[in-house]
Amino acid sequence: MIEPLTVYTLPNCMQCTMTTRALDAAGLPYSVIDLTTDERASDLMQQFSYTSAPVVVTRVVSCSGFRPDWIAKIAALRDHPSLASK
């Protein structure tokens, strides 16, 4: 099973909403961090040169913006035998 993703968001962000809806539809677990209320998270995103929200982070990769293609790939990996045993 895939570990929960972290989604860094902004209020009233359409791409953020579309991303969390796509993650819900794919059945992927995630936690949300609001970049306007978490200064440490905001600093981290700036440090990694992300300039737009949402930013979706897994244990090993991350992406920015609404990326349904990326969400589909993560969902396809969810039940992969090599991940299911971990």
N, C-alpha and C. Protein backbone atom coordinates (compact mmCIF):
# COMPACT_ATOMS: atom_id res chain seq x y z
N MET A 1 0.84 -1.18 0.00
CA MET A 1 0.00 0.00 0.00
C MET A 1 0.88 1.25 0.00
N ILE A 2 0.47 2.24 -0.73
CA ILE A 2 1.22 3.49 -0.84
C ILE A 2 0.99 4.33 0.41
N GLU A 3 2.06 4.93 0.90
CA GLU A 3 1.96 5.84 2.04
C GLU A 3 1.14 7.05 1.64
N PRO A 4 0.50 7.70 2.61
CA PRO A 4 -0.27 8.91 2.28
C PRO A 4 0.61 9.98 1.62
N LEU A 5 0.03 10.67 0.68
CA LEU A 5 0.69 11.79 0.01
C LEU A 5 0.48 13.04 0.86
N THR A 6 1.29 14.04 0.61
CA THR A 6 1.08 15.35 1.23
C THR A 6 0.78 16.34 0.12
N VAL A 7 -0.30 17.09 0.29
CA VAL A 7 -0.70 18.08 -0.70
C VAL A 7 -0.61 19.46 -0.04
N TYR A 8 0.28 20.29 -0.56
CA TYR A 8 0.45 21.65 -0.08
C TYR A 8 -0.47 22.53 -0.93
N THR A 9 -1.38 23.26 -0.27
CA THR A 9 -2.42 23.98 -0.97
C THR A 9 -2.49 25.44 -0.57
N LEU A 10 -3.30 26.17 -1.32
CA LEU A 10 -3.66 27.55 -1.02
C LEU A 10 -5.18 27.66 -1.01
N PRO A 11 -5.74 28.56 -0.20
CA PRO A 11 -7.20 28.75 -0.19
C PRO A 11 -7.70 29.22 -1.56
N ASN A 12 -8.89 28.81 -1.91
CA ASN A 12 -9.55 29.23 -3.15
C ASN A 12 -8.72 28.92 -4.39
N CYS A 13 -7.95 27.85 -4.35
CA CYS A 13 -7.10 27.44 -5.47
C CYS A 13 -7.82 26.35 -6.25
N MET A 14 -8.23 26.66 -7.47
CA MET A 14 -8.97 25.71 -8.27
C MET A 14 -8.14 24.46 -8.57
N GLN A 15 -6.86 24.63 -8.89
CA GLN A 15 -6.01 23.47 -9.17
C GLN A 15 -5.85 22.60 -7.92
N CYS A 16 -5.82 23.22 -6.75
CA CYS A 16 -5.73 22.46 -5.50
C CYS A 16 -6.99 21.62 -5.31
N THR A 17 -8.14 22.24 -5.53
CA THR A 17 -9.40 21.52 -5.41
C THR A 17 -9.48 20.38 -6.41
N MET A 18 -9.10 20.64 -7.65
CA MET A 18 -9.14 19.60 -8.68
C MET A 18 -8.19 18.45 -8.32
N THR A 19 -7.06 18.78 -7.74
CA THR A 19 -6.09 17.75 -7.36
C THR A 19 -6.63 16.88 -6.24
N THR A 20 -7.18 17.48 -5.19
CA THR A 20 -7.70 16.67 -4.09
C THR A 20 -8.91 15.84 -4.54
N ARG A 21 -9.71 16.37 -5.44
CA ARG A 21 -10.84 15.58 -5.97
C ARG A 21 -10.33 14.38 -6.78
N ALA A 22 -9.28 14.60 -7.57
CA ALA A 22 -8.71 13.51 -8.36
C ALA A 22 -8.08 12.45 -7.45
N LEU A 23 -7.42 12.90 -6.39
CA LEU A 23 -6.85 11.94 -5.43
C LEU A 23 -7.95 11.14 -4.74
N ASP A 24 -9.04 11.81 -4.37
CA ASP A 24 -10.19 11.13 -3.78
C ASP A 24 -10.75 10.09 -4.75
N ALA A 25 -10.94 10.49 -6.00
CA ALA A 25 -11.50 9.59 -7.01
C ALA A 25 -10.60 8.38 -7.25
N ALA A 26 -9.29 8.59 -7.12
CA ALA A 26 -8.33 7.50 -7.31
C ALA A 26 -8.18 6.65 -6.06
N GLY A 27 -8.78 7.09 -4.96
CA GLY A 27 -8.68 6.34 -3.72
C GLY A 27 -7.32 6.43 -3.05
N LEU A 28 -6.61 7.52 -3.32
CA LEU A 28 -5.28 7.70 -2.74
C LEU A 28 -5.36 8.51 -1.44
N PRO A 29 -4.76 8.01 -0.38
CA PRO A 29 -4.77 8.76 0.89
C PRO A 29 -3.82 9.94 0.83
N TYR A 30 -4.20 11.03 1.48
CA TYR A 30 -3.34 12.22 1.48
C TYR A 30 -3.68 13.08 2.69
N SER A 31 -2.73 13.94 3.03
CA SER A 31 -2.97 14.97 4.04
C SER A 31 -2.76 16.31 3.36
N VAL A 32 -3.45 17.32 3.85
CA VAL A 32 -3.40 18.66 3.26
C VAL A 32 -2.70 19.61 4.22
N ILE A 33 -1.79 20.41 3.68
CA ILE A 33 -1.14 21.46 4.45
C ILE A 33 -1.39 22.78 3.73
N ASP A 34 -2.00 23.72 4.45
CA ASP A 34 -2.31 25.04 3.90
C ASP A 34 -1.06 25.91 3.99
N LEU A 35 -0.58 26.35 2.85
CA LEU A 35 0.65 27.14 2.81
C LEU A 35 0.49 28.53 3.42
N THR A 36 -0.75 29.00 3.57
CA THR A 36 -0.96 30.32 4.17
C THR A 36 -0.93 30.28 5.69
N THR A 37 -1.06 29.10 6.27
CA THR A 37 -1.07 28.99 7.73
C THR A 37 0.13 28.25 8.29
N ASP A 38 0.95 27.66 7.42
CA ASP A 38 2.12 26.91 7.87
C ASP A 38 3.37 27.54 7.27
N GLU A 39 3.98 28.43 8.03
CA GLU A 39 5.14 29.17 7.53
C GLU A 39 6.31 28.25 7.20
N ARG A 40 6.49 27.23 7.99
CA ARG A 40 7.58 26.27 7.73
C ARG A 40 7.38 25.56 6.39
N ALA A 41 6.16 25.15 6.11
CA ALA A 41 5.86 24.49 4.84
C ALA A 41 6.04 25.46 3.68
N SER A 42 5.60 26.70 3.87
CA SER A 42 5.76 27.71 2.82
C SER A 42 7.24 27.94 2.52
N ASP A 43 8.06 28.03 3.56
CA ASP A 43 9.50 28.20 3.38
C ASP A 43 10.11 27.00 2.65
N LEU A 44 9.64 25.81 3.00
CA LEU A 44 10.15 24.59 2.35
C LEU A 44 9.83 24.59 0.85
N MET A 45 8.62 24.99 0.49
CA MET A 45 8.24 25.02 -0.93
C MET A 45 9.08 26.05 -1.67
N GLN A 46 9.36 27.18 -1.06
CA GLN A 46 10.22 28.19 -1.69
C GLN A 46 11.64 27.66 -1.84
N GLN A 47 12.11 26.95 -0.83
CA GLN A 47 13.46 26.38 -0.87
C GLN A 47 13.61 25.42 -2.05
N PHE A 48 12.55 24.67 -2.36
CA PHE A 48 12.59 23.73 -3.47
C PHE A 48 12.08 24.35 -4.78
N SER A 49 11.94 25.66 -4.79
CA SER A 49 11.60 26.45 -5.99
C SER A 49 10.22 26.17 -6.55
N TYR A 50 9.28 25.75 -5.73
CA TYR A 50 7.91 25.63 -6.18
C TYR A 50 7.27 27.01 -6.09
N THR A 51 6.69 27.45 -7.20
CA THR A 51 6.11 28.79 -7.24
C THR A 51 4.59 28.78 -7.41
N SER A 52 4.00 27.60 -7.52
CA SER A 52 2.55 27.52 -7.64
C SER A 52 2.03 26.32 -6.87
N ALA A 53 0.78 26.41 -6.50
CA ALA A 53 0.13 25.33 -5.77
C ALA A 53 -0.85 24.64 -6.71
N PRO A 54 -1.17 23.42 -6.43
CA PRO A 54 -0.73 22.61 -5.32
C PRO A 54 0.64 21.98 -5.58
N VAL A 55 1.26 21.53 -4.52
CA VAL A 55 2.46 20.72 -4.63
C VAL A 55 2.11 19.39 -3.96
N VAL A 56 2.26 18.31 -4.70
CA VAL A 56 1.97 16.98 -4.19
C VAL A 56 3.29 16.26 -3.98
N VAL A 57 3.47 15.71 -2.78
CA VAL A 57 4.74 15.09 -2.43
C VAL A 57 4.50 13.65 -1.98
N THR A 58 5.30 12.75 -2.55
CA THR A 58 5.35 11.37 -2.06
C THR A 58 6.68 11.21 -1.35
N ARG A 59 6.97 10.01 -0.94
CA ARG A 59 8.23 9.77 -0.24
C ARG A 59 9.43 10.06 -1.13
N VAL A 60 9.30 9.86 -2.45
CA VAL A 60 10.47 9.98 -3.33
C VAL A 60 10.33 10.99 -4.47
N VAL A 61 9.12 11.42 -4.80
CA VAL A 61 8.93 12.35 -5.91
C VAL A 61 7.90 13.40 -5.54
N SER A 62 7.89 14.48 -6.32
CA SER A 62 6.89 15.52 -6.10
C SER A 62 6.55 16.17 -7.43
N CYS A 63 5.40 16.85 -7.46
CA CYS A 63 5.01 17.59 -8.66
C CYS A 63 4.21 18.80 -8.24
N SER A 64 4.09 19.74 -9.15
CA SER A 64 3.36 20.97 -8.88
C SER A 64 2.26 21.14 -9.92
N GLY A 65 1.15 21.73 -9.49
CA GLY A 65 0.03 21.96 -10.41
C GLY A 65 -0.90 20.77 -10.45
N PHE A 66 -1.99 20.93 -11.19
CA PHE A 66 -2.96 19.84 -11.35
C PHE A 66 -2.41 18.88 -12.38
N ARG A 67 -2.05 17.66 -11.97
CA ARG A 67 -1.41 16.68 -12.84
C ARG A 67 -2.17 15.35 -12.80
N PRO A 68 -3.32 15.26 -13.50
CA PRO A 68 -4.07 14.01 -13.47
C PRO A 68 -3.27 12.83 -14.00
N ASP A 69 -2.33 13.07 -14.91
CA ASP A 69 -1.49 11.98 -15.41
C ASP A 69 -0.61 11.42 -14.31
N TRP A 70 -0.08 12.27 -13.47
CA TRP A 70 0.79 11.86 -12.37
C TRP A 70 -0.02 11.12 -11.32
N ILE A 71 -1.22 11.61 -11.02
CA ILE A 71 -2.11 10.95 -10.06
C ILE A 71 -2.47 9.57 -10.55
N ALA A 72 -2.75 9.42 -11.85
CA ALA A 72 -3.08 8.10 -12.41
C ALA A 72 -1.91 7.13 -12.27
N LYS A 73 -0.69 7.61 -12.47
CA LYS A 73 0.48 6.74 -12.31
C LYS A 73 0.64 6.28 -10.87
N ILE A 74 0.45 7.19 -9.93
CA ILE A 74 0.56 6.83 -8.51
C ILE A 74 -0.53 5.82 -8.15
N ALA A 75 -1.75 6.04 -8.64
CA ALA A 75 -2.84 5.11 -8.37
C ALA A 75 -2.56 3.74 -8.96
N ALA A 76 -1.97 3.69 -10.15
CA ALA A 76 -1.65 2.40 -10.79
C ALA A 76 -0.60 1.64 -9.98
N LEU A 77 0.28 2.36 -9.34
CA LEU A 77 1.32 1.71 -8.52
C LEU A 77 0.80 1.22 -7.18
N ARG A 78 -0.33 1.73 -6.77
CA ARG A 78 -0.88 1.44 -5.43
C ARG A 78 -0.88 -0.04 -5.10
N ASP A 79 -1.31 -0.86 -6.04
CA ASP A 79 -1.43 -2.29 -5.76
C ASP A 79 -0.32 -3.12 -6.39
N HIS A 80 0.74 -2.48 -6.81
CA HIS A 80 1.87 -3.20 -7.41
C HIS A 80 2.43 -4.17 -6.38
N PRO A 81 2.70 -5.43 -6.78
CA PRO A 81 3.19 -6.44 -5.82
C PRO A 81 4.42 -6.01 -5.03
N SER A 82 5.33 -5.30 -5.65
CA SER A 82 6.55 -4.92 -4.92
C SER A 82 6.27 -3.88 -3.85
N LEU A 83 5.17 -3.14 -3.97
CA LEU A 83 4.82 -2.13 -2.97
C LEU A 83 3.87 -2.71 -1.91
N ALA A 84 3.07 -3.68 -2.30
CA ALA A 84 2.07 -4.23 -1.41
C ALA A 84 2.70 -4.95 -0.21
N SER A 85 3.89 -5.48 -0.38
CA SER A 85 4.52 -6.23 0.70
C SER A 85 5.26 -5.35 1.68
N LYS A 86 5.37 -4.05 1.40
CA LYS A 86 6.14 -3.16 2.27
C LYS A 86 5.29 -2.48 3.29
